[in-house]
Amino acid sequence: RGERLDRRLAAVELRLGDVVVLRGSAARMPEILRELGCLPLAERAILLGSVRKGIVPVVVLALAMVATAFGLLPVSVAFFAAAVAIVLFKVIPLRDVYQSLDGPILVMLAVLIPVSDSLRSTGATGVVAGELARLGTLLPASGALTLILVAAMAITPFLNNAATVLVMAPIAAEFASDLGYRPEPFLMAVAIGAGCDFLTPIGHQCNTLVMGPGGYRFSDYPRLGLPLSFLVVIVAVPMLMIVWPMN
């Protein structure tokens, strides 16, 4: 930010994209960088972690994926166990785990879970899906799938990707049922659409992460993201219909 810091770093709020010049003992520099959550730019030879701590997550992730692929464990159990193993092997300090928890996101997801259930129990999903199905009857199968994909992509900038799935998944399943299609391609369309927000810097963490270092403005995202969104739709719809047949 072009200013000289002469106070304790604990009193300074570092933002994404900030560049800090540090002077100190080379032996302590890796530890200091880890505590600050920074990456070395000038001295690339600085090693922030040990080789063991780099191998353990890869092995644990591979075991979780194998257990899931062969049906030994449910996905939720396998990856929760992998996360616990990472902490038990001290790859990530427990303090960092607590600090990485995003309170507002957790609260929002906790609130939206009963909202998603209430949409199903009150019949609201049926109403919304019915209105969409009226439009869907005028469209071919690819058009109906595109409709759900675009709807998910339109909602996810205002929520986050997980919340969009919670809201859209029951609607997509009901929509597919009303049109006589299998639900799998429509649910996958929701998952893809929820994870493909290129129109705003706030819809996904990666968009926010590159905004500062890249010098992007808010208007840059829709200008560049809209063509990319069209590309996702053009590629995703036929691939979904091939991998998950509609009937």
Protein backbone atom coordinates (compact mmCIF):
# COMPACT_ATOMS: atom_id res chain seq x y z
CA ARG A 1 0.00 0.00 0.00
CA GLY A 2 3.04 2.22 -0.25
CA GLU A 3 3.44 2.87 3.46
CA ARG A 4 6.20 2.05 5.93
CA LEU A 5 5.07 -0.03 8.90
CA ASP A 6 6.74 0.94 12.15
CA ARG A 7 4.29 -0.76 14.49
CA ARG A 8 3.73 -4.38 15.51
CA LEU A 9 2.39 -6.62 12.76
CA ALA A 10 -0.28 -7.84 15.18
CA ALA A 11 -1.82 -4.36 14.92
CA VAL A 12 -1.82 -4.39 11.10
CA GLU A 13 -4.66 -5.90 9.10
CA LEU A 14 -3.20 -7.67 6.08
CA ARG A 15 -5.47 -7.94 3.04
CA LEU A 16 -5.36 -10.31 0.08
CA GLY A 17 -2.77 -9.13 -2.41
CA ASP A 18 -0.68 -7.11 0.06
CA VAL A 19 3.09 -7.32 -0.44
CA VAL A 20 5.15 -7.07 2.75
CA VAL A 21 8.94 -6.66 2.92
CA LEU A 22 10.27 -8.51 5.97
CA ARG A 23 13.75 -8.31 7.47
CA GLY A 24 14.97 -10.77 10.06
CA SER A 25 16.70 -14.04 10.76
CA ALA A 26 16.68 -16.35 7.75
CA ALA A 27 16.28 -19.35 10.07
CA ARG A 28 13.07 -17.94 11.56
CA MET A 29 11.63 -16.64 8.31
CA PRO A 30 9.65 -19.83 7.38
CA GLU A 31 7.99 -19.89 10.81
CA ILE A 32 7.12 -16.18 10.61
CA LEU A 33 5.68 -16.54 7.10
CA ARG A 34 3.51 -19.47 8.21
CA GLU A 35 2.17 -17.52 11.18
CA LEU A 36 1.35 -14.53 8.97
CA GLY A 37 -0.19 -16.71 6.27
CA CYS A 38 2.16 -15.25 3.63
CA LEU A 39 4.04 -16.75 0.70
CA PRO A 40 7.66 -15.86 -0.15
CA LEU A 41 8.07 -13.97 -3.41
CA ALA A 42 11.70 -12.79 -3.51
CA GLU A 43 13.34 -15.75 -1.75
CA ARG A 44 11.84 -18.77 -3.48
CA ALA A 45 14.26 -21.09 -1.69
CA ILE A 46 12.42 -20.61 1.62
CA LEU A 47 10.68 -23.88 2.50
CA LEU A 48 7.45 -23.30 4.42
CA GLY A 49 6.86 -26.91 5.38
CA SER A 50 8.54 -30.29 5.72
CA VAL A 51 8.53 -33.04 3.12
CA ARG A 52 6.58 -35.29 5.51
CA LYS A 53 3.84 -32.73 5.90
CA GLY A 54 3.63 -32.49 2.13
CA ILE A 55 3.33 -36.24 1.58
CA VAL A 56 0.84 -37.04 4.35
CA PRO A 57 -2.09 -35.05 2.85
CA VAL A 58 -1.57 -36.68 -0.55
CA VAL A 59 -1.60 -40.18 0.98
CA VAL A 60 -4.63 -39.44 3.17
CA LEU A 61 -6.56 -37.95 0.23
CA ALA A 62 -5.69 -40.96 -1.95
CA LEU A 63 -6.93 -43.37 0.74
CA ALA A 64 -10.17 -41.42 1.12
CA MET A 65 -10.77 -41.47 -2.64
CA VAL A 66 -10.03 -45.21 -2.86
CA ALA A 67 -12.37 -45.95 0.05
CA THR A 68 -15.10 -43.93 -1.65
CA ALA A 69 -14.53 -45.37 -5.13
CA PHE A 70 -14.76 -48.99 -3.92
CA GLY A 71 -17.78 -48.28 -1.73
CA LEU A 72 -15.95 -49.05 1.51
CA LEU A 73 -17.12 -45.80 3.12
CA PRO A 74 -19.67 -43.11 2.31
CA VAL A 75 -18.22 -39.91 0.86
CA SER A 76 -19.04 -37.86 3.95
CA VAL A 77 -17.45 -40.37 6.33
CA ALA A 78 -14.32 -40.91 4.20
CA PHE A 79 -13.47 -37.24 3.78
CA PHE A 80 -14.38 -36.30 7.34
CA ALA A 81 -12.02 -39.05 8.51
CA ALA A 82 -9.37 -37.67 6.14
CA ALA A 83 -9.74 -34.21 7.66
CA VAL A 84 -9.43 -35.64 11.18
CA ALA A 85 -6.33 -37.61 10.13
CA ILE A 86 -4.70 -34.45 8.78
CA VAL A 87 -5.14 -32.82 12.20
CA LEU A 88 -4.03 -35.92 14.14
CA PHE A 89 -0.83 -36.14 12.08
CA LYS A 90 -0.24 -32.46 12.94
CA VAL A 91 -0.06 -31.45 9.30
CA ILE A 92 -2.34 -28.54 10.17
CA PRO A 93 -2.32 -27.10 13.71
CA LEU A 94 -5.68 -27.25 15.46
CA ARG A 95 -5.50 -23.48 15.90
CA ASP A 96 -5.39 -23.01 12.12
CA VAL A 97 -8.41 -25.29 11.74
CA TYR A 98 -10.47 -23.10 14.06
CA GLN A 99 -9.24 -19.91 12.38
CA SER A 100 -10.19 -21.21 8.93
CA LEU A 101 -13.81 -21.81 9.94
CA ASP A 102 -15.99 -19.12 8.35
CA GLY A 103 -18.68 -18.39 10.93
CA PRO A 104 -21.13 -16.48 8.69
CA ILE A 105 -20.98 -19.18 6.00
CA LEU A 106 -21.62 -21.94 8.55
CA VAL A 107 -24.57 -20.05 10.00
CA MET A 108 -26.01 -19.39 6.53
CA LEU A 109 -25.73 -23.07 5.56
CA ALA A 110 -27.30 -24.14 8.86
CA VAL A 111 -30.21 -21.78 8.21
CA LEU A 112 -30.66 -22.84 4.59
CA ILE A 113 -30.83 -26.57 5.37
CA PRO A 114 -34.27 -26.24 7.06
CA VAL A 115 -35.27 -23.80 4.30
CA SER A 116 -34.47 -26.48 1.74
CA ASP A 117 -36.46 -29.04 3.75
CA SER A 118 -39.39 -26.66 4.11
CA LEU A 119 -39.43 -26.05 0.35
CA ARG A 120 -40.01 -29.77 -0.09
CA SER A 121 -42.44 -30.30 2.81
CA THR A 122 -44.67 -27.32 1.96
CA GLY A 123 -44.84 -28.16 -1.72
CA ALA A 124 -43.04 -24.99 -2.78
CA THR A 125 -40.57 -27.01 -4.82
CA GLY A 126 -43.49 -28.55 -6.67
CA VAL A 127 -44.94 -25.13 -7.45
CA VAL A 128 -41.63 -23.73 -8.71
CA ALA A 129 -40.79 -26.92 -10.57
CA GLY A 130 -44.28 -26.98 -12.08
CA GLU A 131 -43.88 -23.46 -13.46
CA LEU A 132 -40.49 -24.39 -14.85
CA ALA A 133 -41.94 -27.62 -16.26
CA ARG A 134 -44.52 -25.61 -18.23
CA LEU A 135 -41.67 -23.83 -19.91
CA GLY A 136 -39.71 -27.08 -20.14
CA THR A 137 -42.48 -28.79 -22.13
CA LEU A 138 -41.89 -26.26 -24.88
CA LEU A 139 -38.19 -27.10 -24.98
CA PRO A 140 -36.25 -30.16 -26.10
CA ALA A 141 -34.38 -32.22 -23.50
CA SER A 142 -31.23 -30.18 -23.99
CA GLY A 143 -33.20 -26.96 -23.50
CA ALA A 144 -34.70 -28.20 -20.23
CA LEU A 145 -31.26 -29.13 -18.95
CA THR A 146 -29.90 -25.74 -20.04
CA LEU A 147 -32.72 -24.02 -18.16
CA ILE A 148 -31.71 -25.62 -14.84
CA LEU A 149 -28.01 -25.01 -15.44
CA VAL A 150 -28.56 -21.32 -16.23
CA ALA A 151 -30.89 -20.93 -13.24
CA ALA A 152 -28.21 -22.28 -10.90
CA MET A 153 -25.58 -20.02 -12.46
CA ALA A 154 -27.90 -17.03 -12.00
CA ILE A 155 -28.59 -17.75 -8.31
CA THR A 156 -25.07 -18.59 -7.12
CA PRO A 157 -23.74 -14.98 -7.24
CA PHE A 158 -26.30 -14.02 -4.59
CA LEU A 159 -25.74 -17.06 -2.36
CA ASN A 160 -22.66 -19.25 -2.27
CA ASN A 161 -22.22 -22.49 -4.21
CA ALA A 162 -23.24 -24.82 -1.37
CA ALA A 163 -26.32 -22.76 -0.52
CA THR A 164 -27.34 -22.69 -4.18
CA VAL A 165 -27.23 -26.49 -4.30
CA LEU A 166 -29.37 -26.73 -1.16
CA VAL A 167 -32.03 -24.50 -2.68
CA MET A 168 -31.92 -25.69 -6.30
CA ALA A 169 -31.43 -29.45 -5.90
CA PRO A 170 -35.00 -30.30 -4.77
CA ILE A 171 -36.44 -28.00 -7.45
CA ALA A 172 -34.32 -29.65 -10.15
CA ALA A 173 -35.31 -33.16 -9.02
CA GLU A 174 -39.02 -32.24 -9.05
CA PHE A 175 -38.61 -30.55 -12.43
CA ALA A 176 -37.03 -33.67 -13.93
CA SER A 177 -39.78 -35.86 -12.48
CA ASP A 178 -42.54 -33.66 -13.95
CA LEU A 179 -40.97 -33.90 -17.40
CA GLY A 180 -40.35 -37.64 -17.14
CA TYR A 181 -36.56 -37.40 -17.14
CA ARG A 182 -34.02 -38.96 -14.81
CA PRO A 183 -32.94 -36.57 -12.02
CA GLU A 184 -29.18 -37.25 -12.24
CA PRO A 185 -28.31 -34.93 -15.17
CA PHE A 186 -30.38 -32.12 -13.65
CA LEU A 187 -28.76 -32.48 -10.24
CA MET A 188 -25.33 -32.45 -11.87
CA ALA A 189 -26.37 -29.35 -13.81
CA VAL A 190 -27.16 -27.68 -10.48
CA ALA A 191 -23.76 -28.70 -9.10
CA ILE A 192 -21.92 -27.35 -12.15
CA GLY A 193 -23.94 -24.15 -12.30
CA ALA A 194 -23.46 -23.48 -8.60
CA GLY A 195 -19.70 -23.79 -8.95
CA CYS A 196 -19.39 -21.62 -12.06
CA ASP A 197 -19.89 -18.05 -10.97
CA PHE A 198 -17.70 -15.91 -13.20
CA LEU A 199 -19.89 -12.81 -13.13
CA THR A 200 -19.05 -11.32 -9.73
CA PRO A 201 -16.01 -11.14 -7.42
CA ILE A 202 -18.10 -12.28 -4.45
CA GLY A 203 -19.76 -15.43 -5.75
CA HIS A 204 -16.70 -17.61 -5.18
CA GLN A 205 -13.60 -17.33 -2.99
CA CYS A 206 -11.26 -17.73 -5.97
CA ASN A 207 -12.84 -14.72 -7.67
CA THR A 208 -12.20 -12.62 -4.57
CA LEU A 209 -8.67 -13.97 -4.18
CA VAL A 210 -7.47 -12.75 -7.58
CA MET A 211 -9.26 -9.39 -7.50
CA GLY A 212 -6.61 -7.54 -5.48
CA PRO A 213 -3.41 -9.00 -6.99
CA GLY A 214 -4.84 -8.78 -10.52
CA GLY A 215 -6.03 -5.21 -10.13
CA TYR A 216 -9.50 -6.18 -11.36
CA ARG A 217 -12.59 -4.02 -11.00
CA PHE A 218 -16.13 -5.25 -10.38
CA SER A 219 -17.07 -4.48 -13.99
CA ASP A 220 -14.28 -6.74 -15.29
CA TYR A 221 -16.03 -9.85 -14.01
CA PRO A 222 -19.26 -9.71 -16.06
CA ARG A 223 -17.37 -8.44 -19.11
CA LEU A 224 -15.03 -11.44 -19.13
CA GLY A 225 -17.23 -13.86 -17.20
CA LEU A 226 -20.26 -13.76 -19.48
CA PRO A 227 -18.48 -15.34 -22.49
CA LEU A 228 -16.94 -17.91 -20.15
CA SER A 229 -20.39 -18.71 -18.73
CA PHE A 230 -21.71 -19.27 -22.26
CA LEU A 231 -18.77 -21.58 -22.94
CA VAL A 232 -19.56 -23.60 -19.80
CA VAL A 233 -23.17 -24.04 -20.90
CA ILE A 234 -22.19 -25.04 -24.44
CA VAL A 235 -19.75 -27.68 -23.17
CA ALA A 236 -21.60 -28.88 -20.05
CA VAL A 237 -25.04 -29.61 -21.53
CA PRO A 238 -23.98 -32.15 -24.19
CA MET A 239 -21.46 -33.73 -21.82
CA LEU A 240 -24.13 -34.15 -19.14
CA MET A 241 -26.47 -35.77 -21.64
CA ILE A 242 -23.73 -38.19 -22.70
CA VAL A 243 -22.51 -39.16 -19.23
CA TRP A 244 -25.95 -39.16 -17.54
CA PRO A 245 -28.60 -40.07 -20.14
CA MET A 246 -31.89 -38.21 -19.72
CA ASN A 247 -34.13 -41.30 -20.02
